[in-house]
Amino acid sequence: MSIAEDFLLDDLGFLWVRRGPSPAEGDEGMLREFTAPDGVEWAIPSSSGLHDVFRPDGVYLGTVKLPHDLSITEIGPDYILGTVRDEVDIQYVWMYGLDRSEGGSE
């Protein structure tokens, strides 16, 4: 398993752990490129789109795959809200449905 890159706690107390880029998942070659205000250009590995989800009592539920470039803003009872930027840095809001079935899978 790759290193955790980010942690999110949703409104219902579920912990979402975003994985870092991993060769095992095929996303190690994806790079984010940007230019700092002082003109220095940077290229860093892109985030993974994989999130491991845990119930409030710590039980692992499974993995949710989202787009690599989605910056999650909010996770509600039945949705995931986030933003993405295109190649010319225009920001878009995306919303995904979330099924929290009785079986505990996400």
N, C-alpha and C. Protein backbone atom coordinates (compact mmCIF):
# COMPACT_ATOMS: atom_id res chain seq x y z
N MET A 1 0.85 -1.18 0.00
CA MET A 1 0.00 0.00 0.00
C MET A 1 0.89 1.24 0.00
N SER A 2 0.51 2.22 -0.75
CA SER A 2 1.30 3.45 -0.82
C SER A 2 1.08 4.31 0.43
N ILE A 3 1.88 5.33 0.53
CA ILE A 3 1.81 6.26 1.66
C ILE A 3 0.53 7.09 1.57
N ALA A 4 -0.08 7.37 2.71
CA ALA A 4 -1.26 8.23 2.76
C ALA A 4 -0.84 9.66 2.45
N GLU A 5 -1.62 10.30 1.61
CA GLU A 5 -1.31 11.67 1.20
C GLU A 5 -2.21 12.71 1.86
N ASP A 6 -3.42 12.30 2.19
CA ASP A 6 -4.38 13.25 2.77
C ASP A 6 -5.41 12.48 3.58
N PHE A 7 -5.99 13.13 4.57
CA PHE A 7 -7.03 12.55 5.40
C PHE A 7 -8.23 13.48 5.39
N LEU A 8 -9.42 12.91 5.24
CA LEU A 8 -10.65 13.69 5.29
C LEU A 8 -11.62 12.99 6.22
N LEU A 9 -12.32 13.74 7.02
CA LEU A 9 -13.37 13.20 7.88
C LEU A 9 -14.69 13.76 7.37
N ASP A 10 -15.59 12.88 6.92
CA ASP A 10 -16.85 13.38 6.36
C ASP A 10 -17.85 13.71 7.46
N ASP A 11 -19.01 14.22 7.03
CA ASP A 11 -20.04 14.67 7.98
C ASP A 11 -20.58 13.56 8.87
N LEU A 12 -20.44 12.31 8.45
CA LEU A 12 -20.95 11.18 9.24
C LEU A 12 -19.86 10.51 10.07
N GLY A 13 -18.65 11.08 10.05
CA GLY A 13 -17.56 10.54 10.86
C GLY A 13 -16.72 9.48 10.18
N PHE A 14 -16.92 9.24 8.88
CA PHE A 14 -16.12 8.27 8.15
C PHE A 14 -14.78 8.91 7.77
N LEU A 15 -13.71 8.16 7.90
CA LEU A 15 -12.37 8.64 7.58
C LEU A 15 -12.02 8.22 6.16
N TRP A 16 -11.61 9.19 5.33
CA TRP A 16 -11.19 8.96 3.96
C TRP A 16 -9.69 9.22 3.90
N VAL A 17 -8.93 8.21 3.51
CA VAL A 17 -7.47 8.31 3.43
C VAL A 17 -7.08 8.27 1.95
N ARG A 18 -6.57 9.39 1.46
CA ARG A 18 -6.15 9.45 0.05
C ARG A 18 -4.74 8.90 -0.07
N ARG A 19 -4.60 7.91 -0.95
CA ARG A 19 -3.29 7.31 -1.17
C ARG A 19 -2.39 8.22 -2.01
N GLY A 20 -1.09 8.13 -1.76
CA GLY A 20 -0.12 8.80 -2.60
C GLY A 20 0.06 8.02 -3.89
N PRO A 21 0.74 8.59 -4.89
CA PRO A 21 0.97 7.88 -6.15
C PRO A 21 1.69 6.56 -5.90
N SER A 22 1.31 5.53 -6.65
CA SER A 22 1.87 4.21 -6.44
C SER A 22 2.12 3.50 -7.75
N PRO A 23 3.32 2.94 -7.94
CA PRO A 23 3.57 2.16 -9.15
C PRO A 23 2.61 0.98 -9.27
N ALA A 24 2.17 0.42 -8.15
CA ALA A 24 1.25 -0.71 -8.17
C ALA A 24 -0.10 -0.33 -8.76
N GLU A 25 -0.47 0.94 -8.65
CA GLU A 25 -1.75 1.41 -9.17
C GLU A 25 -1.61 2.02 -10.56
N GLY A 26 -0.38 2.10 -11.08
CA GLY A 26 -0.16 2.63 -12.42
C GLY A 26 -0.19 4.14 -12.54
N ASP A 27 -0.07 4.86 -11.43
CA ASP A 27 -0.16 6.31 -11.51
C ASP A 27 1.14 7.01 -11.09
N GLU A 28 2.26 6.28 -11.06
CA GLU A 28 3.51 6.88 -10.62
C GLU A 28 4.09 7.86 -11.64
N GLY A 29 3.70 7.77 -12.91
CA GLY A 29 4.28 8.64 -13.93
C GLY A 29 3.53 9.93 -14.14
N MET A 30 2.39 10.13 -13.47
CA MET A 30 1.59 11.33 -13.66
C MET A 30 2.19 12.48 -12.85
N LEU A 31 2.38 13.61 -13.51
CA LEU A 31 2.99 14.76 -12.85
C LEU A 31 2.08 15.98 -12.92
N ARG A 32 2.16 16.80 -11.87
CA ARG A 32 1.53 18.12 -11.86
C ARG A 32 2.64 19.12 -12.10
N GLU A 33 2.46 19.99 -13.05
CA GLU A 33 3.47 21.00 -13.34
C GLU A 33 2.89 22.37 -13.04
N PHE A 34 3.69 23.22 -12.41
CA PHE A 34 3.25 24.58 -12.13
C PHE A 34 4.46 25.50 -12.04
N THR A 35 4.20 26.78 -12.18
CA THR A 35 5.25 27.80 -12.10
C THR A 35 4.99 28.65 -10.87
N ALA A 36 6.01 28.78 -10.03
CA ALA A 36 5.91 29.60 -8.82
C ALA A 36 5.92 31.08 -9.21
N PRO A 37 5.47 31.95 -8.30
CA PRO A 37 5.46 33.39 -8.59
C PRO A 37 6.83 33.94 -8.98
N ASP A 38 7.90 33.30 -8.50
CA ASP A 38 9.23 33.78 -8.85
C ASP A 38 9.75 33.20 -10.17
N GLY A 39 8.86 32.46 -10.91
CA GLY A 39 9.22 31.94 -12.21
C GLY A 39 9.84 30.55 -12.20
N VAL A 40 10.06 29.98 -11.03
CA VAL A 40 10.63 28.64 -10.94
C VAL A 40 9.55 27.62 -11.33
N GLU A 41 9.92 26.69 -12.22
CA GLU A 41 8.98 25.67 -12.66
C GLU A 41 9.16 24.41 -11.82
N TRP A 42 8.03 23.80 -11.43
CA TRP A 42 8.03 22.61 -10.59
C TRP A 42 7.24 21.50 -11.25
N ALA A 43 7.64 20.27 -11.03
CA ALA A 43 6.88 19.10 -11.46
C ALA A 43 6.88 18.14 -10.27
N ILE A 44 5.70 17.86 -9.74
CA ILE A 44 5.57 16.96 -8.60
C ILE A 44 4.58 15.85 -8.96
N PRO A 45 4.70 14.69 -8.33
CA PRO A 45 3.76 13.59 -8.65
C PRO A 45 2.33 14.01 -8.36
N SER A 46 1.43 13.61 -9.26
CA SER A 46 0.00 13.87 -9.05
C SER A 46 -0.53 12.98 -7.94
N SER A 47 -1.61 13.43 -7.35
CA SER A 47 -2.27 12.63 -6.31
C SER A 47 -2.87 11.39 -6.93
N SER A 48 -3.02 10.38 -6.13
CA SER A 48 -3.75 9.19 -6.55
C SER A 48 -5.24 9.50 -6.44
N GLY A 49 -6.04 8.78 -7.20
CA GLY A 49 -7.48 8.93 -7.10
C GLY A 49 -8.09 7.94 -6.13
N LEU A 50 -7.26 7.14 -5.47
CA LEU A 50 -7.76 6.09 -4.58
C LEU A 50 -7.88 6.57 -3.14
N HIS A 51 -9.02 6.30 -2.54
CA HIS A 51 -9.29 6.67 -1.16
C HIS A 51 -9.74 5.44 -0.39
N ASP A 52 -9.06 5.11 0.69
CA ASP A 52 -9.48 4.03 1.57
C ASP A 52 -10.44 4.64 2.59
N VAL A 53 -11.57 3.96 2.81
CA VAL A 53 -12.63 4.51 3.66
C VAL A 53 -12.81 3.62 4.90
N PHE A 54 -12.90 4.28 6.07
CA PHE A 54 -13.05 3.59 7.35
C PHE A 54 -14.28 4.14 8.07
N ARG A 55 -15.05 3.24 8.69
CA ARG A 55 -16.19 3.66 9.51
C ARG A 55 -15.68 4.40 10.75
N PRO A 56 -16.57 5.11 11.44
CA PRO A 56 -16.17 5.82 12.66
C PRO A 56 -15.55 4.90 13.73
N ASP A 57 -15.93 3.61 13.73
CA ASP A 57 -15.34 2.69 14.71
C ASP A 57 -14.04 2.05 14.22
N GLY A 58 -13.53 2.51 13.07
CA GLY A 58 -12.24 2.06 12.57
C GLY A 58 -12.28 0.90 11.59
N VAL A 59 -13.45 0.35 11.32
CA VAL A 59 -13.56 -0.78 10.40
C VAL A 59 -13.34 -0.31 8.97
N TYR A 60 -12.43 -1.01 8.25
CA TYR A 60 -12.13 -0.69 6.85
C TYR A 60 -13.30 -1.13 5.98
N LEU A 61 -13.81 -0.21 5.14
CA LEU A 61 -14.94 -0.53 4.27
C LEU A 61 -14.53 -0.87 2.85
N GLY A 62 -13.48 -0.24 2.36
CA GLY A 62 -13.05 -0.48 0.98
C GLY A 62 -12.40 0.74 0.39
N THR A 63 -12.21 0.68 -0.92
CA THR A 63 -11.52 1.75 -1.64
C THR A 63 -12.46 2.39 -2.64
N VAL A 64 -12.45 3.72 -2.69
CA VAL A 64 -13.24 4.49 -3.65
C VAL A 64 -12.26 5.13 -4.61
N LYS A 65 -12.51 4.96 -5.92
CA LYS A 65 -11.64 5.57 -6.93
C LYS A 65 -12.31 6.81 -7.49
N LEU A 66 -11.61 7.93 -7.39
CA LEU A 66 -12.07 9.21 -7.91
C LEU A 66 -11.01 9.73 -8.87
N PRO A 67 -11.32 10.76 -9.67
CA PRO A 67 -10.30 11.31 -10.58
C PRO A 67 -9.07 11.80 -9.81
N HIS A 68 -7.91 11.63 -10.41
CA HIS A 68 -6.65 12.05 -9.78
C HIS A 68 -6.63 13.53 -9.45
N ASP A 69 -7.23 14.34 -10.31
CA ASP A 69 -7.14 15.79 -10.14
C ASP A 69 -8.29 16.39 -9.36
N LEU A 70 -9.15 15.56 -8.77
CA LEU A 70 -10.27 16.07 -7.98
C LEU A 70 -9.79 16.53 -6.62
N SER A 71 -10.04 17.78 -6.31
CA SER A 71 -9.75 18.33 -5.00
C SER A 71 -11.07 18.32 -4.22
N ILE A 72 -11.19 17.41 -3.27
CA ILE A 72 -12.45 17.22 -2.55
C ILE A 72 -12.71 18.41 -1.63
N THR A 73 -13.91 18.95 -1.76
CA THR A 73 -14.34 20.07 -0.93
C THR A 73 -15.22 19.59 0.22
N GLU A 74 -16.10 18.62 -0.08
CA GLU A 74 -17.04 18.16 0.92
C GLU A 74 -17.50 16.74 0.58
N ILE A 75 -17.69 15.93 1.62
CA ILE A 75 -18.28 14.60 1.45
C ILE A 75 -19.52 14.56 2.33
N GLY A 76 -20.67 14.47 1.68
CA GLY A 76 -21.94 14.44 2.39
C GLY A 76 -22.48 13.03 2.52
N PRO A 77 -23.70 12.89 2.99
CA PRO A 77 -24.28 11.56 3.18
C PRO A 77 -24.43 10.77 1.87
N ASP A 78 -24.67 11.48 0.76
CA ASP A 78 -24.89 10.78 -0.51
C ASP A 78 -24.19 11.45 -1.69
N TYR A 79 -23.15 12.22 -1.43
CA TYR A 79 -22.44 12.89 -2.52
C TYR A 79 -20.99 13.19 -2.13
N ILE A 80 -20.18 13.41 -3.16
CA ILE A 80 -18.81 13.91 -3.01
C ILE A 80 -18.72 15.14 -3.89
N LEU A 81 -18.32 16.27 -3.32
CA LEU A 81 -18.23 17.53 -4.03
C LEU A 81 -16.77 17.95 -4.10
N GLY A 82 -16.33 18.36 -5.28
CA GLY A 82 -14.94 18.78 -5.41
C GLY A 82 -14.74 19.66 -6.63
N THR A 83 -13.51 20.07 -6.83
CA THR A 83 -13.16 20.91 -7.97
C THR A 83 -12.01 20.29 -8.75
N VAL A 84 -11.97 20.60 -10.03
CA VAL A 84 -10.86 20.22 -10.90
C VAL A 84 -10.48 21.45 -11.72
N ARG A 85 -9.25 21.46 -12.19
CA ARG A 85 -8.78 22.54 -13.06
C ARG A 85 -8.33 21.92 -14.38
N ASP A 86 -8.67 22.60 -15.49
CA ASP A 86 -8.25 22.08 -16.78
C ASP A 86 -6.85 22.59 -17.12
N GLU A 87 -6.41 22.30 -18.34
CA GLU A 87 -5.03 22.63 -18.74
C GLU A 87 -4.75 24.13 -18.81
N VAL A 88 -5.79 24.97 -18.88
CA VAL A 88 -5.59 26.42 -18.87
C VAL A 88 -6.00 27.02 -17.52
N ASP A 89 -6.08 26.16 -16.49
CA ASP A 89 -6.32 26.55 -15.10
C ASP A 89 -7.73 27.10 -14.84
N ILE A 90 -8.70 26.69 -15.65
CA ILE A 90 -10.09 27.03 -15.38
C ILE A 90 -10.64 25.99 -14.41
N GLN A 91 -11.30 26.46 -13.38
CA GLN A 91 -11.80 25.58 -12.32
C GLN A 91 -13.25 25.17 -12.60
N TYR A 92 -13.54 23.87 -12.37
CA TYR A 92 -14.88 23.32 -12.54
C TYR A 92 -15.30 22.62 -11.26
N VAL A 93 -16.58 22.69 -10.95
CA VAL A 93 -17.13 21.99 -9.78
C VAL A 93 -17.72 20.68 -10.26
N TRP A 94 -17.34 19.58 -9.62
CA TRP A 94 -17.87 18.25 -9.96
C TRP A 94 -18.54 17.67 -8.72
N MET A 95 -19.64 16.95 -8.97
CA MET A 95 -20.33 16.26 -7.88
C MET A 95 -20.56 14.80 -8.29
N TYR A 96 -20.28 13.89 -7.37
CA TYR A 96 -20.47 12.46 -7.60
C TYR A 96 -21.45 11.94 -6.57
N GLY A 97 -22.31 11.01 -7.00
CA GLY A 97 -23.22 10.35 -6.08
C GLY A 97 -22.47 9.34 -5.23
N LEU A 98 -22.93 9.13 -4.02
CA LEU A 98 -22.29 8.20 -3.10
C LEU A 98 -23.37 7.30 -2.51
N ASP A 99 -23.19 5.98 -2.65
CA ASP A 99 -24.16 5.02 -2.14
C ASP A 99 -23.60 4.40 -0.87
N ARG A 100 -24.20 4.71 0.25
CA ARG A 100 -23.79 4.13 1.52
C ARG A 100 -24.81 3.03 1.87
N SER A 101 -24.66 1.90 1.21
CA SER A 101 -25.63 0.82 1.38
C SER A 101 -25.50 0.18 2.76
N GLU A 102 -26.49 -0.59 3.13
CA GLU A 102 -26.52 -1.27 4.42
C GLU A 102 -25.37 -2.22 4.59
N GLY A 103 -24.84 -2.74 3.47
CA GLY A 103 -23.73 -3.68 3.54
C GLY A 103 -22.43 -3.04 3.95
N GLY A 104 -22.39 -1.71 4.03
CA GLY A 104 -21.20 -1.02 4.49
C GLY A 104 -20.24 -0.66 3.39
N SER A 105 -20.53 -0.98 2.13
CA SER A 105 -19.60 -0.64 1.06
C SER A 105 -19.88 0.78 0.58
N GLU A 106 -18.82 1.41 0.11
CA GLU A 106 -18.92 2.79 -0.38
C GLU A 106 -19.02 2.77 -1.89
